[in-house]
C-alpha atoms as a PDB file:
ATOM      1  CA  SER A   1     182.832 182.933-122.268  1.00  0.00           C
ATOM      2  CA  MET A   2     182.748 181.004-119.068  1.00  0.00           C
ATOM      3  CA  THR A   3     186.788 180.385-119.064  1.00  0.00           C
ATOM      4  CA  MET A   4     187.260 184.496-118.969  1.00  0.00           C
ATOM      5  CA  SER A   5     184.966 185.385-116.155  1.00  0.00           C
ATOM      6  CA  THR A   6     186.846 182.362-114.382  1.00  0.00           C
ATOM      7  CA  ILE A   7     190.017 183.983-115.151  1.00  0.00           C
ATOM      8  CA  ARG A   8     188.987 187.461-114.231  1.00  0.00           C
ATOM      9  CA  MET A   9     187.770 186.098-110.838  1.00  0.00           C
ATOM     10  CA  SER A  10     190.386 184.629-110.088  1.00  0.00           C
ATOM     11  CA  SER A  11     192.916 187.121-110.873  1.00  0.00           C
ATOM     12  CA  LEU A  12     190.699 189.290-108.780  1.00  0.00           C
ATOM     13  CA  LEU A  13     191.348 186.727-105.890  1.00  0.00           C
ATOM     14  CA  ILE A  14     194.332 187.501-106.086  1.00  0.00           C
ATOM     15  CA  ALA A  15     194.253 190.834-106.040  1.00  0.00           C
ATOM     16  CA  LEU A  16     191.906 190.853-102.762  1.00  0.00           C
ATOM     17  CA  ALA A  17     194.814 188.397-101.211  1.00  0.00           C
ATOM     18  CA  ALA A  18     197.252 191.035-102.359  1.00  0.00           C
ATOM     19  CA  ALA A  19     195.705 193.917-100.379  1.00  0.00           C
ATOM     20  CA  ALA A  20     195.128 191.810 -97.722  1.00  0.00           C
ATOM     21  CA  THR A  21     198.911 191.946 -96.887  1.00  0.00           C
ATOM     22  CA  PRO A  22     200.311 194.423 -94.598  1.00  0.00           C
ATOM     23  CA  PHE A  23     202.817 195.907 -97.310  1.00  0.00           C
ATOM     24  CA  ALA A  24     199.482 196.701 -99.141  1.00  0.00           C
ATOM     25  CA  SER A  25     197.836 198.624 -96.370  1.00  0.00           C
ATOM     26  CA  GLN A  26     198.187 202.316 -97.672  1.00  0.00           C
ATOM     27  CA  ALA A  27     197.497 201.237-100.958  1.00  0.00           C
ATOM     28  CA  GLN A  28     193.732 200.259 -99.572  1.00  0.00           C
ATOM     29  CA  SER A  29     192.264 203.696 -98.593  1.00  0.00           C
ATOM     30  CA  THR A  30     192.524 204.560-102.539  1.00  0.00           C
ATOM     31  CA  PRO A  31     189.649 202.537-103.910  1.00  0.00           C
ATOM     32  CA  ALA A  32     186.440 203.933-101.621  1.00  0.00           C
ATOM     33  CA  ARG A  33     184.245 200.988-100.361  1.00  0.00           C
ATOM     34  CA  ALA A  34     181.310 200.102-102.221  1.00  0.00           C
ATOM     35  CA  ALA A  35     178.328 202.265-100.868  1.00  0.00           C
ATOM     36  CA  VAL A  36     175.717 200.030-100.623  1.00  0.00           C
ATOM     37  CA  VAL A  37     176.728 197.014 -98.827  1.00  0.00           C
ATOM     38  CA  ALA A  38     174.626 193.848 -99.156  1.00  0.00           C
ATOM     39  CA  ALA A  39     172.437 192.982 -96.205  1.00  0.00           C
ATOM     40  CA  ALA A  40     173.321 189.879 -93.900  1.00  0.00           C
ATOM     41  CA  SER A  41     169.958 187.937 -94.668  1.00  0.00           C
ATOM     42  CA  GLU A  42     168.432 185.965 -91.743  1.00  0.00           C
ATOM     43  CA  GLN A  43     169.341 182.655 -93.337  1.00  0.00           C
ATOM     44  CA  GLN A  44     173.035 183.801 -93.588  1.00  0.00           C
ATOM     45  CA  LEU A  45     172.687 185.110 -89.603  1.00  0.00           C
ATOM     46  CA  GLN A  46     170.647 184.398 -87.245  1.00  0.00           C
ATOM     47  CA  VAL A  47     170.819 186.786 -84.256  1.00  0.00           C
ATOM     48  CA  ARG A  48     169.537 185.561 -81.222  1.00  0.00           C
ATOM     49  CA  ASP A  49     168.429 187.574 -77.540  1.00  0.00           C
ATOM     50  CA  PRO A  50     170.036 190.910 -78.423  1.00  0.00           C
ATOM     51  CA  TRP A  51     170.293 193.078 -75.421  1.00  0.00           C
ATOM     52  CA  ILE A  52     171.842 196.473 -74.127  1.00  0.00           C
ATOM     53  CA  ARG A  53     173.057 197.042 -70.658  1.00  0.00           C
ATOM     54  CA  ALA A  54     171.325 200.055 -69.021  1.00  0.00           C
ATOM     55  CA  THR A  55     174.031 202.575 -67.516  1.00  0.00           C
ATOM     56  CA  VAL A  56     173.857 204.481 -64.833  1.00  0.00           C
ATOM     57  CA  ALA A  57     174.399 208.078 -64.649  1.00  0.00           C
ATOM     58  CA  GLY A  58     178.138 209.051 -65.429  1.00  0.00           C
ATOM     59  CA  GLN A  59     178.586 205.532 -66.836  1.00  0.00           C
ATOM     60  CA  LYS A  60     180.437 206.540 -70.369  1.00  0.00           C
ATOM     61  CA  ALA A  61     179.964 202.777 -71.729  1.00  0.00           C
ATOM     62  CA  THR A  62     178.223 199.851 -71.873  1.00  0.00           C
ATOM     63  CA  GLY A  63     177.794 196.493 -73.704  1.00  0.00           C
ATOM     64  CA  ALA A  64     175.927 195.120 -76.394  1.00  0.00           C
ATOM     65  CA  PHE A  65     175.435 191.097 -75.985  1.00  0.00           C
ATOM     66  CA  MET A  66     173.540 188.718 -78.550  1.00  0.00           C
ATOM     67  CA  VAL A  67     174.030 185.332 -79.948  1.00  0.00           C
ATOM     68  CA  LEU A  68     175.243 185.174 -83.523  1.00  0.00           C
ATOM     69  CA  GLN A  69     174.988 181.969 -85.563  1.00  0.00           C
ATOM     70  CA  PRO A  70     175.819 182.092 -89.159  1.00  0.00           C
ATOM     71  CA  SER A  71     174.870 179.598 -91.894  1.00  0.00           C
ATOM     72  CA  GLN A  72     178.309 180.084 -93.586  1.00  0.00           C
ATOM     73  CA  PRO A  73     181.616 181.482 -91.747  1.00  0.00           C
ATOM     74  CA  LEU A  74     181.408 184.872 -91.348  1.00  0.00           C
ATOM     75  CA  VAL A  75     183.967 187.343 -89.192  1.00  0.00           C
ATOM     76  CA  LEU A  76     182.462 190.389 -87.479  1.00  0.00           C
ATOM     77  CA  VAL A  77     184.789 192.960 -88.073  1.00  0.00           C
ATOM     78  CA  GLY A  78     183.187 195.768 -86.283  1.00  0.00           C
ATOM     79  CA  ALA A  79     179.669 197.658 -85.298  1.00  0.00           C
ATOM     80  CA  ARG A  80     178.196 200.931 -85.461  1.00  0.00           C
ATOM     81  CA  SER A  81     175.469 203.113 -84.015  1.00  0.00           C
ATOM     82  CA  PRO A  82     174.396 206.505 -84.127  1.00  0.00           C
ATOM     83  CA  LEU A  83     174.020 206.400 -80.443  1.00  0.00           C
ATOM     84  CA  THR A  84     177.844 206.842 -80.567  1.00  0.00           C
ATOM     85  CA  PRO A  85     181.235 207.168 -82.941  1.00  0.00           C
ATOM     86  CA  VAL A  86     182.954 204.826 -80.485  1.00  0.00           C
ATOM     87  CA  VAL A  87     181.464 201.176 -81.001  1.00  0.00           C
ATOM     88  CA  GLU A  88     184.421 198.589 -80.666  1.00  0.00           C
ATOM     89  CA  VAL A  89     184.194 194.431 -80.702  1.00  0.00           C
ATOM     90  CA  HIS A  90     185.502 193.545 -77.239  1.00  0.00           C
ATOM     91  CA  GLU A  91     187.091 190.479 -75.594  1.00  0.00           C
ATOM     92  CA  MET A  92     187.611 189.466 -71.763  1.00  0.00           C
ATOM     93  CA  ALA A  93     191.013 187.660 -71.930  1.00  0.00           C
ATOM     94  CA  VAL A  94     193.588 187.379 -68.667  1.00  0.00           C
ATOM     95  CA  VAL A  95     196.424 189.038 -69.015  1.00  0.00           C
ATOM     96  CA  ASP A  96     199.167 188.803 -66.709  1.00  0.00           C
ATOM     97  CA  GLY A  97     196.634 186.869 -64.328  1.00  0.00           C
ATOM     98  CA  VAL A  98     194.334 189.834 -64.703  1.00  0.00           C
ATOM     99  CA  MET A  99     191.214 189.842 -66.449  1.00  0.00           C
ATOM    100  CA  LYS A 100     191.133 193.005 -68.822  1.00  0.00           C
ATOM    101  CA  MET A 101     188.976 194.112 -71.089  1.00  0.00           C
ATOM    102  CA  ARG A 102     190.391 194.911 -74.904  1.00  0.00           C
ATOM    103  CA  ARG A 103     189.650 195.741 -78.250  1.00  0.00           C
ATOM    104  CA  ILE A 104     189.508 192.884 -81.307  1.00  0.00           C
ATOM    105  CA  PRO A 105     190.072 193.587 -84.946  1.00  0.00           C
ATOM    106  CA  GLN A 106     187.884 190.608 -85.877  1.00  0.00           C
ATOM    107  CA  LEU A 107     185.709 187.524 -84.620  1.00  0.00           C
ATOM    108  CA  ALA A 108     185.414 184.735 -86.376  1.00  0.00           C
ATOM    109  CA  LEU A 109     182.016 183.236 -86.708  1.00  0.00           C
ATOM    110  CA  PRO A 110     182.310 179.456 -87.639  1.00  0.00           C
ATOM    111  CA  ALA A 111     179.431 178.382 -89.670  1.00  0.00           C
ATOM    112  CA  GLY A 112     176.627 176.787 -87.813  1.00  0.00           C
ATOM    113  CA  ALA A 113     177.838 177.558 -84.610  1.00  0.00           C
ATOM    114  CA  ALA A 114     176.477 179.581 -82.179  1.00  0.00           C
ATOM    115  CA  THR A 115     178.887 182.244 -80.840  1.00  0.00           C
ATOM    116  CA  GLY A 116     177.965 184.028 -77.834  1.00  0.00           C
ATOM    117  CA  LEU A 117     178.548 187.853 -77.440  1.00  0.00           C
ATOM    118  CA  LYS A 118     178.157 187.956 -73.624  1.00  0.00           C
ATOM    119  CA  PRO A 119     178.749 189.537 -70.409  1.00  0.00           C
ATOM    120  CA  GLY A 120     182.511 188.343 -69.032  1.00  0.00           C
ATOM    121  CA  GLY A 121     183.168 187.327 -72.982  1.00  0.00           C
ATOM    122  CA  TYR A 122     183.029 188.570 -76.174  1.00  0.00           C
ATOM    123  CA  HIS A 123     181.062 191.526 -76.545  1.00  0.00           C
ATOM    124  CA  ILE A 124     179.944 194.967 -78.369  1.00  0.00           C
ATOM    125  CA  MET A 125     181.231 197.954 -76.568  1.00  0.00           C
ATOM    126  CA  LEU A 126     179.235 201.503 -77.205  1.00  0.00           C
ATOM    127  CA  MET A 127     181.736 204.114 -75.648  1.00  0.00           C
ATOM    128  CA  ASP A 128     182.352 207.565 -75.241  1.00  0.00           C
ATOM    129  CA  LEU A 129     178.537 207.771 -74.172  1.00  0.00           C
ATOM    130  CA  GLN A 130     177.097 211.282 -74.119  1.00  0.00           C
ATOM    131  CA  ALA A 131     173.788 210.667 -72.133  1.00  0.00           C
ATOM    132  CA  PRO A 132     172.486 207.793 -69.738  1.00  0.00           C
ATOM    133  CA  VAL A 133     170.771 204.557 -71.947  1.00  0.00           C
ATOM    134  CA  GLN A 134     167.701 203.879 -69.987  1.00  0.00           C
ATOM    135  CA  ALA A 135     165.979 200.364 -69.778  1.00  0.00           C
ATOM    136  CA  GLY A 136     162.878 199.996 -72.104  1.00  0.00           C
ATOM    137  CA  SER A 137     164.453 202.344 -75.039  1.00  0.00           C
ATOM    138  CA  VAL A 138     165.575 200.662 -78.414  1.00  0.00           C
ATOM    139  CA  ILE A 139     169.083 201.479 -79.805  1.00  0.00           C
ATOM    140  CA  PRO A 140     170.175 200.455 -83.623  1.00  0.00           C
ATOM    141  CA  VAL A 141     173.713 198.631 -84.179  1.00  0.00           C
ATOM    142  CA  THR A 142     174.423 197.705 -87.357  1.00  0.00           C
ATOM    143  CA  LEU A 143     177.275 194.739 -87.159  1.00  0.00           C
ATOM    144  CA  GLU A 144     179.639 194.873 -89.822  1.00  0.00           C
ATOM    145  CA  LEU A 145     180.905 191.446 -91.379  1.00  0.00           C
ATOM    146  CA  ARG A 146     182.499 189.900 -94.224  1.00  0.00           C
ATOM    147  CA  ASP A 147     182.218 186.470 -95.458  1.00  0.00           C
ATOM    148  CA  ALA A 148     184.572 183.860 -96.644  1.00  0.00           C
ATOM    149  CA  GLN A 149     185.598 185.634 -99.931  1.00  0.00           C
ATOM    150  CA  GLY A 150     185.956 189.190 -98.256  1.00  0.00           C
ATOM    151  CA  LYS A 151     182.767 190.342 -99.111  1.00  0.00           C
ATOM    152  CA  ALA A 152     181.178 193.194 -96.895  1.00  0.00           C
ATOM    153  CA  LEU A 153     177.637 192.319 -95.126  1.00  0.00           C
ATOM    154  CA  GLU A 154     175.884 194.236 -92.553  1.00  0.00           C
ATOM    155  CA  ARG A 155     173.038 193.845 -90.333  1.00  0.00           C
ATOM    156  CA  THR A 156     171.067 196.251 -88.429  1.00  0.00           C
ATOM    157  CA  LEU A 157     169.451 195.139 -85.554  1.00  0.00           C
ATOM    158  CA  GLN A 158     167.094 197.093 -83.034  1.00  0.00           C
ATOM    159  CA  ILE A 159     168.202 196.614 -79.688  1.00  0.00           C
ATOM    160  CA  PRO A 160     166.503 196.707 -76.400  1.00  0.00           C
ATOM    161  CA  VAL A 161     167.524 197.967 -73.706  1.00  0.00           C
ATOM    162  CA  ARG A 162     167.692 195.475 -70.111  1.00  0.00           C
ATOM    163  CA  PRO A 163     168.144 196.842 -66.803  1.00  0.00           C
ATOM    164  CA  VAL A 164     171.595 196.821 -65.390  1.00  0.00           C
ATOM    165  CA  SER A 165     169.985 193.960 -62.966  1.00  0.00           C
ATOM    166  CA  TYR A 166     169.120 191.782 -66.304  1.00  0.00           C
ATOM    167  CA  SER A 167     171.172 188.478 -67.401  1.00  0.00           C
ATOM    168  CA  ALA A 168     170.202 186.625 -70.145  1.00  0.00           C
ATOM    169  CA  GLY A 169     170.517 183.217 -68.428  1.00  0.00           C
ATOM    170  CA  SER A 170     167.884 183.940 -65.583  1.00  0.00           C
ATOM    171  CA  GLN A 171     165.457 185.638 -68.371  1.00  0.00           C
ATOM    172  CA  GLN A 172     165.537 182.294 -71.023  1.00  0.00           C
ATOM    173  CA  MET A 173     162.525 180.833 -69.918  1.00  0.00           C
ATOM    174  CA  MET A 174     160.639 183.783 -70.998  1.00  0.00           C
ATOM    175  CA  HIS A 175     162.080 183.506 -74.624  1.00  0.00           C
ATOM    176  CA  HIS A 176     160.182 179.982 -75.351  1.00  0.00           C
END
């Protein structure tokens, strides 16, 4: 009946809320996450102008940049790429007057707003690189997201690698 499914839904939400408390963190490893994660549709999440900066020899990390605009509130909780096992969401923050780059566990993406992942701001770091990342190549990166209900979503992008000298602003005219 309708009421039963409503009750079941609300008790599930209560269980999810309980799982989100720090005390439950040990218990969270038991139920494995669903094998198939729903893809975030184009309607749920627009991704514009994604690019990755090429590296120079010996450089162990690079950034992925893009503009994310969801139609509903989403949270970017991580990213992954076949290029390297170490992919993190970072922010640039001033700590004691010094600009530092640090990993953040999640980035809220407000509904309808364009959140820019850009040099000097939020960005995705591809670290521990084993080989140079060449301009002109394309690298798959999967964004790991959660919706307001805590449901996992993901979007896999094929991201072009731009020369070291590239900056998104200077190329903007070419996109229109």
